[in-house]
Amino acid sequence: MVCPLPLDSQAVVNHLRHLIESGTFRPVVDRYYPLDRIVEAYRYVETGQKIGNVVIEVAPVHG
């Protein structure tokens, strides 16, 4: 697979921001781990069982 680098990265960032804000793009999140369990998160990823992104929470999410 070839993944070329974008020529105008700001345009790509703006396009992605639009997709996210409009709800068109929704990333698949498999699991969340707090930073103090990062080793466990890496071990889970290495199993090859994940079906989405694994998010490491650096600070508690408020909202």
Protein backbone atom coordinates (compact mmCIF):
# COMPACT_ATOMS: atom_id res chain seq x y z
CA MET A 1 0.00 0.00 0.00
CA VAL A 2 1.29 3.45 -0.88
CA CYS A 3 0.33 6.40 1.28
CA PRO A 4 1.61 9.60 -0.33
CA LEU A 5 2.21 12.63 1.82
CA PRO A 6 -0.25 15.45 1.14
CA LEU A 7 1.17 18.46 -0.68
CA ASP A 8 -0.95 20.94 1.27
CA SER A 9 -1.19 19.59 4.79
CA GLN A 10 -3.23 22.56 6.06
CA ALA A 11 -5.94 21.84 3.49
CA VAL A 12 -6.01 18.20 4.61
CA VAL A 13 -6.30 19.23 8.27
CA ASN A 14 -9.14 21.63 7.42
CA HIS A 15 -10.94 18.93 5.43
CA LEU A 16 -10.62 16.41 8.27
CA ARG A 17 -11.80 19.00 10.78
CA HIS A 18 -14.88 19.65 8.62
CA LEU A 19 -15.64 15.91 8.40
CA ILE A 20 -15.29 15.47 12.17
CA GLU A 21 -17.33 18.57 13.04
CA SER A 22 -20.11 17.60 10.63
CA GLY A 23 -20.29 14.09 12.06
CA THR A 24 -19.42 12.54 8.69
CA PHE A 25 -16.20 11.00 10.03
CA ARG A 26 -16.43 9.05 13.24
CA PRO A 27 -13.33 7.13 14.28
CA VAL A 28 -13.82 3.63 15.65
CA VAL A 29 -12.53 3.39 19.21
CA ASP A 30 -11.98 -0.11 20.54
CA ARG A 31 -10.85 0.71 24.06
CA TYR A 32 -9.72 3.52 26.34
CA TYR A 33 -6.86 3.16 28.81
CA PRO A 34 -5.60 5.64 31.41
CA LEU A 35 -1.94 6.54 31.08
CA ASP A 36 -0.97 4.42 34.09
CA ARG A 37 -2.20 1.30 32.21
CA ILE A 38 -0.27 1.98 29.00
CA VAL A 39 1.65 -1.30 29.24
CA GLU A 40 -1.65 -3.19 29.31
CA ALA A 41 -2.84 -1.17 26.30
CA TYR A 42 0.28 -2.07 24.30
CA ARG A 43 -0.13 -5.72 25.20
CA TYR A 44 -3.72 -5.62 23.99
CA VAL A 45 -2.71 -4.02 20.68
CA GLU A 46 0.02 -6.62 20.19
CA THR A 47 -2.56 -9.43 20.43
CA GLY A 48 -3.95 -8.35 17.05
CA GLN A 49 -7.50 -8.46 18.44
CA LYS A 50 -8.27 -4.76 18.33
CA ILE A 51 -10.92 -3.63 15.87
CA GLY A 52 -10.45 0.12 16.18
CA ASN A 53 -8.22 2.68 17.79
CA VAL A 54 -6.89 2.31 21.30
CA VAL A 55 -6.97 5.63 23.11
CA ILE A 56 -4.56 6.52 25.91
CA GLU A 57 -6.09 9.11 28.21
CA VAL A 58 -3.32 11.41 29.37
CA ALA A 59 -5.66 13.47 31.54
CA PRO A 60 -9.18 12.69 32.71
CA VAL A 61 -11.79 13.62 30.12
CA HIS A 62 -14.37 16.04 31.46
CA GLY A 63 -17.60 16.50 29.65
